[in-house]
Amino acid sequence: MTQEQFQHFWLQLKAPLKMKWNKITESDLDAIQGNLATFSAILRQRYGDVDKLEVQTWADRRHAVWSGNYIGYKDPEPVS
C-alpha cells in the first residue's frame, strides 16, 4: 500500500488497525491521520521492532479487499 492509498483508506483502516495492534491509542490514531511514516513510527514506539513485511502484508491485504482484488481473505483472530 502506498502513502496515497493509506491516506485514501484511512477512515476504513482505523478500526482494523486498532484491532490488529491493540496498543495503538486513540491519540495515536489522531496523530497518524493517514500518514504511513507516522504509522510506522508509532508502531515502533508501541511494539519495538515490528516485522515490516507483516505490516506491509496487512496493509496490502486491506487495500486489495477494498479495491476488489483479493476475494476471500479473512484475518486471523487477534491474539490477546
PDB file of N, CA and C in Angstrom:
ATOM      1  N   MET A   1       0.852  -1.171   0.000  1.00  0.00           N
ATOM      2  CA  MET A   1       0.000   0.000   0.000  1.00  0.00           C
ATOM      3  C   MET A   1       0.895   1.230   0.000  1.00  0.00           C
ATOM      4  N   THR A   2       0.597   2.128  -0.878  1.00  0.00           N
ATOM      5  CA  THR A   2       1.373   3.360  -0.970  1.00  0.00           C
ATOM      6  C   THR A   2       0.838   4.390   0.033  1.00  0.00           C
ATOM      7  N   GLN A   3       1.582   5.472   0.202  1.00  0.00           N
ATOM      8  CA  GLN A   3       1.129   6.560   1.065  1.00  0.00           C
ATOM      9  C   GLN A   3      -0.221   7.093   0.589  1.00  0.00           C
ATOM     10  N   GLU A   4      -0.365   7.249  -0.704  1.00  0.00           N
ATOM     11  CA  GLU A   4      -1.622   7.768  -1.252  1.00  0.00           C
ATOM     12  C   GLU A   4      -2.798   6.843  -0.924  1.00  0.00           C
ATOM     13  N   GLN A   5      -2.603   5.542  -1.073  1.00  0.00           N
ATOM     14  CA  GLN A   5      -3.651   4.572  -0.758  1.00  0.00           C
ATOM     15  C   GLN A   5      -3.951   4.563   0.742  1.00  0.00           C
ATOM     16  N   PHE A   6      -2.906   4.621   1.562  1.00  0.00           N
ATOM     17  CA  PHE A   6      -3.077   4.643   3.014  1.00  0.00           C
ATOM     18  C   PHE A   6      -3.900   5.859   3.422  1.00  0.00           C
ATOM     19  N   GLN A   7      -3.588   7.007   2.849  1.00  0.00           N
ATOM     20  CA  GLN A   7      -4.337   8.240   3.137  1.00  0.00           C
ATOM     21  C   GLN A   7      -5.791   8.114   2.683  1.00  0.00           C
ATOM     22  N   HIS A   8      -5.983   7.585   1.491  1.00  0.00           N
ATOM     23  CA  HIS A   8      -7.316   7.465   0.912  1.00  0.00           C
ATOM     24  C   HIS A   8      -8.218   6.549   1.750  1.00  0.00           C
ATOM     25  N   PHE A   9      -7.671   5.461   2.261  1.00  0.00           N
ATOM     26  CA  PHE A   9      -8.453   4.483   3.013  1.00  0.00           C
ATOM     27  C   PHE A   9      -8.330   4.648   4.526  1.00  0.00           C
ATOM     28  N   TRP A  10      -7.818   5.793   4.969  1.00  0.00           N
ATOM     29  CA  TRP A  10      -7.552   5.990   6.390  1.00  0.00           C
ATOM     30  C   TRP A  10      -8.778   5.730   7.270  1.00  0.00           C
ATOM     31  N   LEU A  11      -9.928   6.258   6.923  1.00  0.00           N
ATOM     32  CA  LEU A  11     -11.117   6.054   7.762  1.00  0.00           C
ATOM     33  C   LEU A  11     -11.477   4.578   7.883  1.00  0.00           C
ATOM     34  N   GLN A  12     -11.327   3.824   6.798  1.00  0.00           N
ATOM     35  CA  GLN A  12     -11.622   2.396   6.829  1.00  0.00           C
ATOM     36  C   GLN A  12     -10.535   1.610   7.560  1.00  0.00           C
ATOM     37  N   LEU A  13      -9.325   2.117   7.593  1.00  0.00           N
ATOM     38  CA  LEU A  13      -8.200   1.412   8.211  1.00  0.00           C
ATOM     39  C   LEU A  13      -8.188   1.512   9.733  1.00  0.00           C
ATOM     40  N   LYS A  14      -8.762   2.556  10.282  1.00  0.00           N
ATOM     41  CA  LYS A  14      -8.621   2.809  11.709  1.00  0.00           C
ATOM     42  C   LYS A  14      -9.099   1.643  12.580  1.00  0.00           C
ATOM     43  N   ALA A  15     -10.280   1.119  12.336  1.00  0.00           N
ATOM     44  CA  ALA A  15     -10.818   0.039  13.186  1.00  0.00           C
ATOM     45  C   ALA A  15     -10.003  -1.249  13.053  1.00  0.00           C
ATOM     46  N   PRO A  16      -9.735  -1.742  11.821  1.00  0.00           N
ATOM     47  CA  PRO A  16      -8.934  -2.965  11.735  1.00  0.00           C
ATOM     48  C   PRO A  16      -7.505  -2.770  12.240  1.00  0.00           C
ATOM     49  N   LEU A  17      -6.958  -1.574  12.083  1.00  0.00           N
ATOM     50  CA  LEU A  17      -5.628  -1.290  12.585  1.00  0.00           C
ATOM     51  C   LEU A  17      -5.590  -1.422  14.104  1.00  0.00           C
ATOM     52  N   LYS A  18      -6.577  -0.843  14.750  1.00  0.00           N
ATOM     53  CA  LYS A  18      -6.652  -0.898  16.219  1.00  0.00           C
ATOM     54  C   LYS A  18      -6.896  -2.332  16.692  1.00  0.00           C
ATOM     55  N   MET A  19      -7.641  -3.115  15.922  1.00  0.00           N
ATOM     56  CA  MET A  19      -7.890  -4.499  16.289  1.00  0.00           C
ATOM     57  C   MET A  19      -6.602  -5.327  16.167  1.00  0.00           C
ATOM     58  N   LYS A  20      -5.844  -5.087  15.113  1.00  0.00           N
ATOM     59  CA  LYS A  20      -4.611  -5.837  14.877  1.00  0.00           C
ATOM     60  C   LYS A  20      -3.530  -5.451  15.878  1.00  0.00           C
ATOM     61  N   TRP A  21      -3.351  -4.148  16.097  1.00  0.00           N
ATOM     62  CA  TRP A  21      -2.323  -3.649  17.008  1.00  0.00           C
ATOM     63  C   TRP A  21      -3.020  -2.898  18.140  1.00  0.00           C
ATOM     64  N   ASN A  22      -3.438  -3.634  19.163  1.00  0.00           N
ATOM     65  CA  ASN A  22      -4.285  -3.062  20.212  1.00  0.00           C
ATOM     66  C   ASN A  22      -3.567  -2.117  21.172  1.00  0.00           C
ATOM     67  N   LYS A  23      -2.260  -1.966  21.056  1.00  0.00           N
ATOM     68  CA  LYS A  23      -1.550  -0.976  21.879  1.00  0.00           C
ATOM     69  C   LYS A  23      -1.657   0.426  21.286  1.00  0.00           C
ATOM     70  N   ILE A  24      -2.174   0.529  20.064  1.00  0.00           N
ATOM     71  CA  ILE A  24      -2.376   1.829  19.424  1.00  0.00           C
ATOM     72  C   ILE A  24      -3.535   2.528  20.136  1.00  0.00           C
ATOM     73  N   THR A  25      -3.312   3.750  20.551  1.00  0.00           N
ATOM     74  CA  THR A  25      -4.331   4.508  21.284  1.00  0.00           C
ATOM     75  C   THR A  25      -5.102   5.433  20.340  1.00  0.00           C
ATOM     76  N   GLU A  26      -6.173   6.000  20.859  1.00  0.00           N
ATOM     77  CA  GLU A  26      -6.944   6.975  20.083  1.00  0.00           C
ATOM     78  C   GLU A  26      -6.085   8.201  19.744  1.00  0.00           C
ATOM     79  N   SER A  27      -5.240   8.613  20.679  1.00  0.00           N
ATOM     80  CA  SER A  27      -4.375   9.766  20.381  1.00  0.00           C
ATOM     81  C   SER A  27      -3.341   9.394  19.316  1.00  0.00           C
ATOM     82  N   ASP A  28      -2.909   8.118  19.280  1.00  0.00           N
ATOM     83  CA  ASP A  28      -2.024   7.666  18.201  1.00  0.00           C
ATOM     84  C   ASP A  28      -2.745   7.771  16.862  1.00  0.00           C
ATOM     85  N   LEU A  29      -3.998   7.324  16.818  1.00  0.00           N
ATOM     86  CA  LEU A  29      -4.778   7.402  15.581  1.00  0.00           C
ATOM     87  C   LEU A  29      -4.929   8.850  15.127  1.00  0.00           C
ATOM     88  N   ASP A  30      -5.151   9.744  16.092  1.00  0.00           N
ATOM     89  CA  ASP A  30      -5.254  11.169  15.757  1.00  0.00           C
ATOM     90  C   ASP A  30      -3.941  11.686  15.185  1.00  0.00           C
ATOM     91  N   ALA A  31      -2.819  11.196  15.716  1.00  0.00           N
ATOM     92  CA  ALA A  31      -1.508  11.634  15.236  1.00  0.00           C
ATOM     93  C   ALA A  31      -1.206  11.066  13.851  1.00  0.00           C
ATOM     94  N   ILE A  32      -1.622   9.831  13.600  1.00  0.00           N
ATOM     95  CA  ILE A  32      -1.331   9.181  12.322  1.00  0.00           C
ATOM     96  C   ILE A  32      -2.047   9.886  11.180  1.00  0.00           C
ATOM     97  N   GLN A  33      -3.348  10.089  11.294  1.00  0.00           N
ATOM     98  CA  GLN A  33      -4.149  10.802  10.288  1.00  0.00           C
ATOM     99  C   GLN A  33      -3.814  10.425   8.848  1.00  0.00           C
ATOM    100  N   GLY A  34      -3.619   9.118   8.611  1.00  0.00           N
ATOM    101  CA  GLY A  34      -3.388   8.677   7.250  1.00  0.00           C
ATOM    102  C   GLY A  34      -1.958   8.790   6.766  1.00  0.00           C
ATOM    103  N   ASN A  35      -1.027   9.096   7.667  1.00  0.00           N
ATOM    104  CA  ASN A  35       0.378   9.222   7.280  1.00  0.00           C
ATOM    105  C   ASN A  35       1.097   7.907   7.559  1.00  0.00           C
ATOM    106  N   LEU A  36       1.545   7.243   6.519  1.00  0.00           N
ATOM    107  CA  LEU A  36       2.168   5.929   6.621  1.00  0.00           C
ATOM    108  C   LEU A  36       3.467   5.969   7.434  1.00  0.00           C
ATOM    109  N   ALA A  37       4.257   6.996   7.282  1.00  0.00           N
ATOM    110  CA  ALA A  37       5.506   7.116   8.037  1.00  0.00           C
ATOM    111  C   ALA A  37       5.226   7.286   9.527  1.00  0.00           C
ATOM    112  N   THR A  38       4.223   8.088   9.865  1.00  0.00           N
ATOM    113  CA  THR A  38       3.847   8.275  11.268  1.00  0.00           C
ATOM    114  C   THR A  38       3.319   6.972  11.846  1.00  0.00           C
ATOM    115  N   PHE A  39       2.526   6.245  11.070  1.00  0.00           N
ATOM    116  CA  PHE A  39       2.023   4.938  11.496  1.00  0.00           C
ATOM    117  C   PHE A  39       3.187   4.007  11.821  1.00  0.00           C
ATOM    118  N   SER A  40       4.175   3.940  10.956  1.00  0.00           N
ATOM    119  CA  SER A  40       5.341   3.083  11.188  1.00  0.00           C
ATOM    120  C   SER A  40       6.098   3.504  12.446  1.00  0.00           C
ATOM    121  N   ALA A  41       6.262   4.797  12.629  1.00  0.00           N
ATOM    122  CA  ALA A  41       6.968   5.299  13.811  1.00  0.00           C
ATOM    123  C   ALA A  41       6.217   4.956  15.095  1.00  0.00           C
ATOM    124  N   ILE A  42       4.904   5.091  15.082  1.00  0.00           N
ATOM    125  CA  ILE A  42       4.112   4.780  16.265  1.00  0.00           C
ATOM    126  C   ILE A  42       4.123   3.280  16.551  1.00  0.00           C
ATOM    127  N   LEU A  43       4.079   2.467  15.502  1.00  0.00           N
ATOM    128  CA  LEU A  43       4.192   1.019  15.713  1.00  0.00           C
ATOM    129  C   LEU A  43       5.515   0.672  16.395  1.00  0.00           C
ATOM    130  N   ARG A  44       6.613   1.264  15.932  1.00  0.00           N
ATOM    131  CA  ARG A  44       7.924   1.015  16.555  1.00  0.00           C
ATOM    132  C   ARG A  44       7.925   1.481  18.001  1.00  0.00           C
ATOM    133  N   GLN A  45       7.283   2.617  18.264  1.00  0.00           N
ATOM    134  CA  GLN A  45       7.236   3.159  19.618  1.00  0.00           C
ATOM    135  C   GLN A  45       6.457   2.229  20.547  1.00  0.00           C
ATOM    136  N   ARG A  46       5.341   1.692  20.070  1.00  0.00           N
ATOM    137  CA  ARG A  46       4.481   0.839  20.906  1.00  0.00           C
ATOM    138  C   ARG A  46       4.951  -0.608  21.000  1.00  0.00           C
ATOM    139  N   TYR A  47       5.577  -1.118  19.938  1.00  0.00           N
ATOM    140  CA  TYR A  47       5.903  -2.539  19.865  1.00  0.00           C
ATOM    141  C   TYR A  47       7.391  -2.827  19.695  1.00  0.00           C
ATOM    142  N   GLY A  48       8.225  -1.811  19.602  1.00  0.00           N
ATOM    143  CA  GLY A  48       9.635  -2.055  19.328  1.00  0.00           C
ATOM    144  C   GLY A  48       9.810  -2.391  17.862  1.00  0.00           C
ATOM    145  N   ASP A  49      10.753  -3.269  17.566  1.00  0.00           N
ATOM    146  CA  ASP A  49      10.969  -3.672  16.183  1.00  0.00           C
ATOM    147  C   ASP A  49       9.782  -4.494  15.691  1.00  0.00           C
ATOM    148  N   VAL A  50       9.131  -3.999  14.666  1.00  0.00           N
ATOM    149  CA  VAL A  50       7.985  -4.671  14.064  1.00  0.00           C
ATOM    150  C   VAL A  50       8.428  -5.214  12.717  1.00  0.00           C
ATOM    151  N   ASP A  51       7.990  -6.417  12.408  1.00  0.00           N
ATOM    152  CA  ASP A  51       8.319  -7.029  11.123  1.00  0.00           C
ATOM    153  C   ASP A  51       7.678  -6.205  10.010  1.00  0.00           C
ATOM    154  N   LYS A  52       8.486  -5.528   9.229  1.00  0.00           N
ATOM    155  CA  LYS A  52       7.980  -4.653   8.165  1.00  0.00           C
ATOM    156  C   LYS A  52       7.161  -5.432   7.145  1.00  0.00           C
ATOM    157  N   LEU A  53       7.549  -6.675   6.889  1.00  0.00           N
ATOM    158  CA  LEU A  53       6.801  -7.499   5.944  1.00  0.00           C
ATOM    159  C   LEU A  53       5.391  -7.770   6.472  1.00  0.00           C
ATOM    160  N   GLU A  54       5.263  -8.012   7.769  1.00  0.00           N
ATOM    161  CA  GLU A  54       3.939  -8.246   8.367  1.00  0.00           C
ATOM    162  C   GLU A  54       3.054  -7.011   8.210  1.00  0.00           C
ATOM    163  N   VAL A  55       3.607  -5.847   8.476  1.00  0.00           N
ATOM    164  CA  VAL A  55       2.853  -4.594   8.352  1.00  0.00           C
ATOM    165  C   VAL A  55       2.463  -4.358   6.898  1.00  0.00           C
ATOM    166  N   GLN A  56       3.414  -4.532   5.987  1.00  0.00           N
ATOM    167  CA  GLN A  56       3.142  -4.309   4.568  1.00  0.00           C
ATOM    168  C   GLN A  56       2.095  -5.287   4.048  1.00  0.00           C
ATOM    169  N   THR A  57       2.197  -6.561   4.451  1.00  0.00           N
ATOM    170  CA  THR A  57       1.221  -7.571   4.027  1.00  0.00           C
ATOM    171  C   THR A  57      -0.159  -7.213   4.542  1.00  0.00           C
ATOM    172  N   TRP A  58      -0.237  -6.812   5.801  1.00  0.00           N
ATOM    173  CA  TRP A  58      -1.521  -6.427   6.392  1.00  0.00           C
ATOM    174  C   TRP A  58      -2.138  -5.269   5.611  1.00  0.00           C
ATOM    175  N   ALA A  59      -1.357  -4.231   5.353  1.00  0.00           N
ATOM    176  CA  ALA A  59      -1.864  -3.058   4.634  1.00  0.00           C
ATOM    177  C   ALA A  59      -2.239  -3.411   3.193  1.00  0.00           C
ATOM    178  N   ASP A  60      -1.416  -4.214   2.546  1.00  0.00           N
ATOM    179  CA  ASP A  60      -1.714  -4.601   1.162  1.00  0.00           C
ATOM    180  C   ASP A  60      -3.006  -5.403   1.084  1.00  0.00           C
ATOM    181  N   ARG A  61      -3.243  -6.271   2.035  1.00  0.00           N
ATOM    182  CA  ARG A  61      -4.479  -7.055   2.031  1.00  0.00           C
ATOM    183  C   ARG A  61      -5.694  -6.175   2.263  1.00  0.00           C
ATOM    184  N   ARG A  62      -5.571  -5.186   3.147  1.00  0.00           N
ATOM    185  CA  ARG A  62      -6.683  -4.249   3.356  1.00  0.00           C
ATOM    186  C   ARG A  62      -7.034  -3.579   2.035  1.00  0.00           C
ATOM    187  N   HIS A  63      -6.012  -3.072   1.351  1.00  0.00           N
ATOM    188  CA  HIS A  63      -6.240  -2.366   0.096  1.00  0.00           C
ATOM    189  C   HIS A  63      -6.830  -3.302  -0.953  1.00  0.00           C
ATOM    190  N   ALA A  64      -6.301  -4.512  -1.039  1.00  0.00           N
ATOM    191  CA  ALA A  64      -6.787  -5.474  -2.033  1.00  0.00           C
ATOM    192  C   ALA A  64      -8.254  -5.816  -1.806  1.00  0.00           C
ATOM    193  N   VAL A  65      -8.650  -5.998  -0.576  1.00  0.00           N
ATOM    194  CA  VAL A  65     -10.050  -6.306  -0.268  1.00  0.00           C
ATOM    195  C   VAL A  65     -10.939  -5.138  -0.682  1.00  0.00           C
ATOM    196  N   TRP A  66     -10.548  -3.911  -0.321  1.00  0.00           N
ATOM    197  CA  TRP A  66     -11.379  -2.744  -0.625  1.00  0.00           C
ATOM    198  C   TRP A  66     -11.414  -2.429  -2.110  1.00  0.00           C
ATOM    199  N   SER A  67     -10.361  -2.773  -2.811  1.00  0.00           N
ATOM    200  CA  SER A  67     -10.343  -2.492  -4.243  1.00  0.00           C
ATOM    201  C   SER A  67     -10.918  -3.652  -5.058  1.00  0.00           C
ATOM    202  N   GLY A  68     -11.299  -4.740  -4.382  1.00  0.00           N
ATOM    203  CA  GLY A  68     -11.924  -5.867  -5.058  1.00  0.00           C
ATOM    204  C   GLY A  68     -10.952  -6.832  -5.702  1.00  0.00           C
ATOM    205  N   ASN A  69      -9.672  -6.740  -5.356  1.00  0.00           N
ATOM    206  CA  ASN A  69      -8.660  -7.589  -5.972  1.00  0.00           C
ATOM    207  C   ASN A  69      -8.254  -8.795  -5.136  1.00  0.00           C
ATOM    208  N   TYR A  70      -8.844  -8.984  -3.987  1.00  0.00           N
ATOM    209  CA  TYR A  70      -8.430 -10.075  -3.105  1.00  0.00           C
ATOM    210  C   TYR A  70      -9.673 -10.606  -2.407  1.00  0.00           C
ATOM    211  N   ILE A  71     -10.377 -11.478  -3.052  1.00  0.00           N
ATOM    212  CA  ILE A  71     -11.634 -12.015  -2.533  1.00  0.00           C
ATOM    213  C   ILE A  71     -11.349 -13.213  -1.635  1.00  0.00           C
ATOM    214  N   GLY A  72     -12.056 -13.304  -0.528  1.00  0.00           N
ATOM    215  CA  GLY A  72     -11.969 -14.477   0.325  1.00  0.00           C
ATOM    216  C   GLY A  72     -10.961 -14.399   1.447  1.00  0.00           C
ATOM    217  N   TYR A  73     -10.244 -13.302   1.586  1.00  0.00           N
ATOM    218  CA  TYR A  73      -9.270 -13.185   2.661  1.00  0.00           C
ATOM    219  C   TYR A  73      -9.985 -12.947   3.979  1.00  0.00           C
ATOM    220  N   LYS A  74      -9.574 -13.658   5.017  1.00  0.00           N
ATOM    221  CA  LYS A  74     -10.103 -13.443   6.359  1.00  0.00           C
ATOM    222  C   LYS A  74      -8.927 -13.301   7.304  1.00  0.00           C
ATOM    223  N   ASP A  75      -8.926 -12.242   8.095  1.00  0.00           N
ATOM    224  CA  ASP A  75      -7.858 -12.051   9.055  1.00  0.00           C
ATOM    225  C   ASP A  75      -7.891 -13.128  10.113  1.00  0.00           C
ATOM    226  N   PRO A  76      -6.725 -13.549  10.598  1.00  0.00           N
ATOM    227  CA  PRO A  76      -6.701 -14.460  11.738  1.00  0.00           C
ATOM    228  C   PRO A  76      -7.250 -13.760  12.971  1.00  0.00           C
ATOM    229  N   GLU A  77      -7.749 -14.533  13.908  1.00  0.00           N
ATOM    230  CA  GLU A  77      -8.265 -13.960  15.152  1.00  0.00           C
ATOM    231  C   GLU A  77      -7.112 -13.297  15.901  1.00  0.00           C
ATOM    232  N   PRO A  78      -7.348 -12.119  16.511  1.00  0.00           N
ATOM    233  CA  PRO A  78      -6.286 -11.439  17.237  1.00  0.00           C
ATOM    234  C   PRO A  78      -5.857 -12.245  18.452  1.00  0.00           C
ATOM    235  N   VAL A  79      -4.570 -12.209  18.750  1.00  0.00           N
ATOM    236  CA  VAL A  79      -4.023 -12.886  19.912  1.00  0.00           C
ATOM    237  C   VAL A  79      -4.018 -11.898  21.064  1.00  0.00           C
ATOM    238  N   SER A  80      -4.556 -12.297  22.185  1.00  0.00           N
ATOM    239  CA  SER A  80      -4.625 -11.389  23.346  1.00  0.00           C
ATOM    240  C   SER A  80      -3.336 -11.346  24.111  1.00  0.00           C
TER     241      SER A  80
END
